[in-house]
Amino acid sequence: MLTAVIIAVHVIVSAALIFLVLLHSGKGGGLSEMFGGSLGSAAAGSTVAERNLDRATVACAVAFAFTTTILAIRLQ
């Protein structure tokens, strides 16, 4: 039962991590270009939305690593 819950959390965190990584700006504008930002990323600097996106991505990455480790231990 606990393994099933951890797997469900792992799947949700995986999907969220994929979504958050795809929102990041690459050579284009990413999140800032999606919402109509006209300034380049070098001129605009790091906006509040981008910093919060970074924080959410790191939190999802930590949760992903944690659930992966727990599943590796439980499924041995």
N, C-alpha and C. Protein backbone atom coordinates (compact mmCIF):
# COMPACT_ATOMS: atom_id res chain seq x y z
N MET A 1 0.82 -1.20 0.00
CA MET A 1 0.00 0.00 0.00
C MET A 1 0.87 1.26 0.00
N LEU A 2 1.89 1.30 0.85
CA LEU A 2 2.75 2.47 0.91
C LEU A 2 3.54 2.64 -0.38
N THR A 3 3.94 1.54 -0.99
CA THR A 3 4.67 1.63 -2.25
C THR A 3 3.80 2.23 -3.34
N ALA A 4 2.53 1.88 -3.36
CA ALA A 4 1.62 2.43 -4.36
C ALA A 4 1.45 3.94 -4.18
N VAL A 5 1.41 4.39 -2.96
CA VAL A 5 1.30 5.83 -2.69
C VAL A 5 2.56 6.54 -3.15
N ILE A 6 3.72 5.96 -2.86
CA ILE A 6 4.99 6.57 -3.27
C ILE A 6 5.10 6.61 -4.79
N ILE A 7 4.64 5.56 -5.46
CA ILE A 7 4.66 5.54 -6.93
C ILE A 7 3.74 6.62 -7.49
N ALA A 8 2.57 6.80 -6.89
CA ALA A 8 1.65 7.84 -7.35
C ALA A 8 2.26 9.22 -7.17
N VAL A 9 2.89 9.47 -6.03
CA VAL A 9 3.56 10.75 -5.80
C VAL A 9 4.70 10.93 -6.79
N HIS A 10 5.43 9.87 -7.06
CA HIS A 10 6.57 9.92 -7.99
C HIS A 10 6.10 10.29 -9.40
N VAL A 11 4.99 9.73 -9.83
CA VAL A 11 4.47 10.04 -11.16
C VAL A 11 4.02 11.50 -11.24
N ILE A 12 3.36 11.98 -10.20
CA ILE A 12 2.90 13.37 -10.18
C ILE A 12 4.10 14.33 -10.18
N VAL A 13 5.11 14.02 -9.36
CA VAL A 13 6.29 14.88 -9.30
C VAL A 13 7.04 14.84 -10.63
N SER A 14 7.08 13.69 -11.28
CA SER A 14 7.75 13.58 -12.58
C SER A 14 7.07 14.46 -13.62
N ALA A 15 5.76 14.41 -13.67
CA ALA A 15 5.02 15.23 -14.63
C ALA A 15 5.21 16.72 -14.33
N ALA A 16 5.19 17.08 -13.05
CA ALA A 16 5.40 18.48 -12.67
C ALA A 16 6.80 18.95 -13.03
N LEU A 17 7.78 18.08 -12.84
CA LEU A 17 9.17 18.44 -13.16
C LEU A 17 9.34 18.65 -14.66
N ILE A 18 8.74 17.80 -15.46
CA ILE A 18 8.80 17.97 -16.92
C ILE A 18 8.16 19.29 -17.32
N PHE A 19 7.00 19.57 -16.76
CA PHE A 19 6.29 20.81 -17.06
C PHE A 19 7.11 22.04 -16.67
N LEU A 20 7.71 22.01 -15.49
CA LEU A 20 8.49 23.16 -15.02
C LEU A 20 9.75 23.37 -15.84
N VAL A 21 10.41 22.29 -16.23
CA VAL A 21 11.61 22.42 -17.04
C VAL A 21 11.27 23.00 -18.41
N LEU A 22 10.14 22.60 -18.96
CA LEU A 22 9.75 23.13 -20.26
C LEU A 22 9.36 24.60 -20.21
N LEU A 23 8.98 25.10 -19.03
CA LEU A 23 8.65 26.52 -18.89
C LEU A 23 9.88 27.41 -18.86
N HIS A 24 11.04 26.86 -18.52
CA HIS A 24 12.25 27.66 -18.42
C HIS A 24 12.64 28.23 -19.78
N SER A 25 13.31 29.37 -19.73
CA SER A 25 13.73 30.01 -20.98
C SER A 25 15.00 29.36 -21.49
N GLY A 26 15.00 29.08 -22.75
CA GLY A 26 16.19 28.58 -23.41
C GLY A 26 16.81 29.72 -24.18
N LYS A 27 17.07 29.49 -25.46
CA LYS A 27 17.57 30.58 -26.30
C LYS A 27 16.46 31.55 -26.66
N GLY A 28 15.21 31.08 -26.58
CA GLY A 28 14.08 31.97 -26.80
C GLY A 28 13.78 32.70 -25.52
N GLY A 29 12.51 32.91 -25.22
CA GLY A 29 12.16 33.66 -24.04
C GLY A 29 11.60 32.83 -22.92
N GLY A 30 11.09 31.63 -23.22
CA GLY A 30 10.52 30.78 -22.19
C GLY A 30 9.30 31.40 -21.56
N LEU A 31 9.29 31.44 -20.24
CA LEU A 31 8.14 31.95 -19.50
C LEU A 31 7.90 33.42 -19.78
N SER A 32 8.97 34.22 -19.83
CA SER A 32 8.79 35.64 -20.04
C SER A 32 8.28 35.95 -21.45
N GLU A 33 8.70 35.21 -22.44
CA GLU A 33 8.22 35.43 -23.80
C GLU A 33 6.78 34.95 -23.96
N MET A 34 6.42 33.91 -23.21
CA MET A 34 5.07 33.38 -23.30
C MET A 34 4.05 34.42 -22.83
N PHE A 35 4.42 35.23 -21.84
CA PHE A 35 3.51 36.24 -21.32
C PHE A 35 3.72 37.61 -21.95
N GLY A 36 4.41 37.68 -23.08
CA GLY A 36 4.51 38.91 -23.83
C GLY A 36 5.62 39.85 -23.42
N GLY A 37 6.67 39.33 -22.80
CA GLY A 37 7.80 40.19 -22.44
C GLY A 37 8.56 40.59 -23.69
N SER A 38 8.77 41.89 -23.88
CA SER A 38 9.43 42.35 -25.10
C SER A 38 10.92 42.52 -24.92
N LEU A 39 11.40 42.63 -23.70
CA LEU A 39 12.84 42.79 -23.47
C LEU A 39 13.55 41.46 -23.56
N GLY A 40 14.80 41.49 -23.98
CA GLY A 40 15.60 40.28 -24.01
C GLY A 40 15.95 39.85 -22.61
N SER A 41 16.34 38.61 -22.45
CA SER A 41 16.64 38.10 -21.11
C SER A 41 17.87 38.76 -20.51
N ALA A 42 18.81 39.20 -21.34
CA ALA A 42 19.99 39.89 -20.81
C ALA A 42 19.63 41.28 -20.31
N ALA A 43 18.69 41.94 -20.98
CA ALA A 43 18.32 43.30 -20.57
C ALA A 43 17.35 43.28 -19.40
N ALA A 44 16.50 42.29 -19.33
CA ALA A 44 15.46 42.25 -18.32
C ALA A 44 15.98 41.75 -16.98
N GLY A 45 16.99 40.92 -16.97
CA GLY A 45 17.47 40.35 -15.72
C GLY A 45 16.57 39.22 -15.26
N SER A 46 16.70 38.85 -14.02
CA SER A 46 15.91 37.76 -13.46
C SER A 46 14.65 38.33 -12.81
N THR A 47 13.51 37.99 -13.36
CA THR A 47 12.25 38.51 -12.82
C THR A 47 11.80 37.65 -11.65
N VAL A 48 10.80 38.14 -10.95
CA VAL A 48 10.25 37.40 -9.81
C VAL A 48 9.66 36.08 -10.27
N ALA A 49 8.98 36.09 -11.41
CA ALA A 49 8.39 34.87 -11.93
C ALA A 49 9.45 33.82 -12.25
N GLU A 50 10.57 34.25 -12.82
CA GLU A 50 11.63 33.31 -13.15
C GLU A 50 12.30 32.75 -11.90
N ARG A 51 12.48 33.60 -10.88
CA ARG A 51 13.07 33.11 -9.63
C ARG A 51 12.15 32.12 -8.95
N ASN A 52 10.84 32.41 -8.94
CA ASN A 52 9.89 31.47 -8.35
C ASN A 52 9.82 30.18 -9.15
N LEU A 53 9.94 30.28 -10.47
CA LEU A 53 9.98 29.09 -11.31
C LEU A 53 11.21 28.25 -10.98
N ASP A 54 12.34 28.90 -10.75
CA ASP A 54 13.56 28.19 -10.36
C ASP A 54 13.37 27.47 -9.02
N ARG A 55 12.76 28.16 -8.08
CA ARG A 55 12.53 27.55 -6.75
C ARG A 55 11.60 26.34 -6.85
N ALA A 56 10.54 26.46 -7.63
CA ALA A 56 9.61 25.35 -7.80
C ALA A 56 10.28 24.17 -8.50
N THR A 57 11.15 24.46 -9.47
CA THR A 57 11.85 23.39 -10.18
C THR A 57 12.81 22.66 -9.25
N VAL A 58 13.52 23.41 -8.41
CA VAL A 58 14.44 22.78 -7.46
C VAL A 58 13.66 21.94 -6.45
N ALA A 59 12.53 22.44 -5.97
CA ALA A 59 11.72 21.68 -5.02
C ALA A 59 11.21 20.39 -5.66
N CYS A 60 10.78 20.44 -6.90
CA CYS A 60 10.32 19.22 -7.59
C CYS A 60 11.48 18.26 -7.83
N ALA A 61 12.66 18.79 -8.14
CA ALA A 61 13.82 17.93 -8.35
C ALA A 61 14.22 17.22 -7.07
N VAL A 62 14.15 17.92 -5.94
CA VAL A 62 14.47 17.29 -4.65
C VAL A 62 13.43 16.22 -4.31
N ALA A 63 12.16 16.52 -4.54
CA ALA A 63 11.11 15.53 -4.29
C ALA A 63 11.26 14.32 -5.21
N PHE A 64 11.65 14.56 -6.46
CA PHE A 64 11.88 13.46 -7.40
C PHE A 64 13.03 12.57 -6.93
N ALA A 65 14.12 13.20 -6.50
CA ALA A 65 15.27 12.42 -6.01
C ALA A 65 14.89 11.63 -4.76
N PHE A 66 14.12 12.25 -3.88
CA PHE A 66 13.69 11.58 -2.65
C PHE A 66 12.81 10.37 -2.96
N THR A 67 11.80 10.55 -3.81
CA THR A 67 10.91 9.43 -4.12
C THR A 67 11.65 8.34 -4.90
N THR A 68 12.60 8.71 -5.73
CA THR A 68 13.39 7.71 -6.45
C THR A 68 14.21 6.87 -5.48
N THR A 69 14.83 7.53 -4.51
CA THR A 69 15.63 6.81 -3.51
C THR A 69 14.76 5.89 -2.66
N ILE A 70 13.62 6.39 -2.22
CA ILE A 70 12.71 5.58 -1.40
C ILE A 70 12.21 4.38 -2.20
N LEU A 71 11.86 4.57 -3.47
CA LEU A 71 11.40 3.44 -4.28
C LEU A 71 12.51 2.44 -4.51
N ALA A 72 13.73 2.90 -4.70
CA ALA A 72 14.86 1.97 -4.89
C ALA A 72 15.08 1.13 -3.64
N ILE A 73 14.92 1.73 -2.48
CA ILE A 73 15.10 0.98 -1.23
C ILE A 73 13.95 0.01 -1.02
N ARG A 74 12.72 0.46 -1.26
CA ARG A 74 11.55 -0.40 -1.00
C ARG A 74 11.41 -1.55 -1.99
N LEU A 75 11.88 -1.35 -3.22
CA LEU A 75 11.68 -2.38 -4.25
C LEU A 75 12.89 -3.31 -4.39
N GLN A 76 13.80 -3.26 -3.45
CA GLN A 76 14.97 -4.16 -3.52
C GLN A 76 14.58 -5.57 -3.19
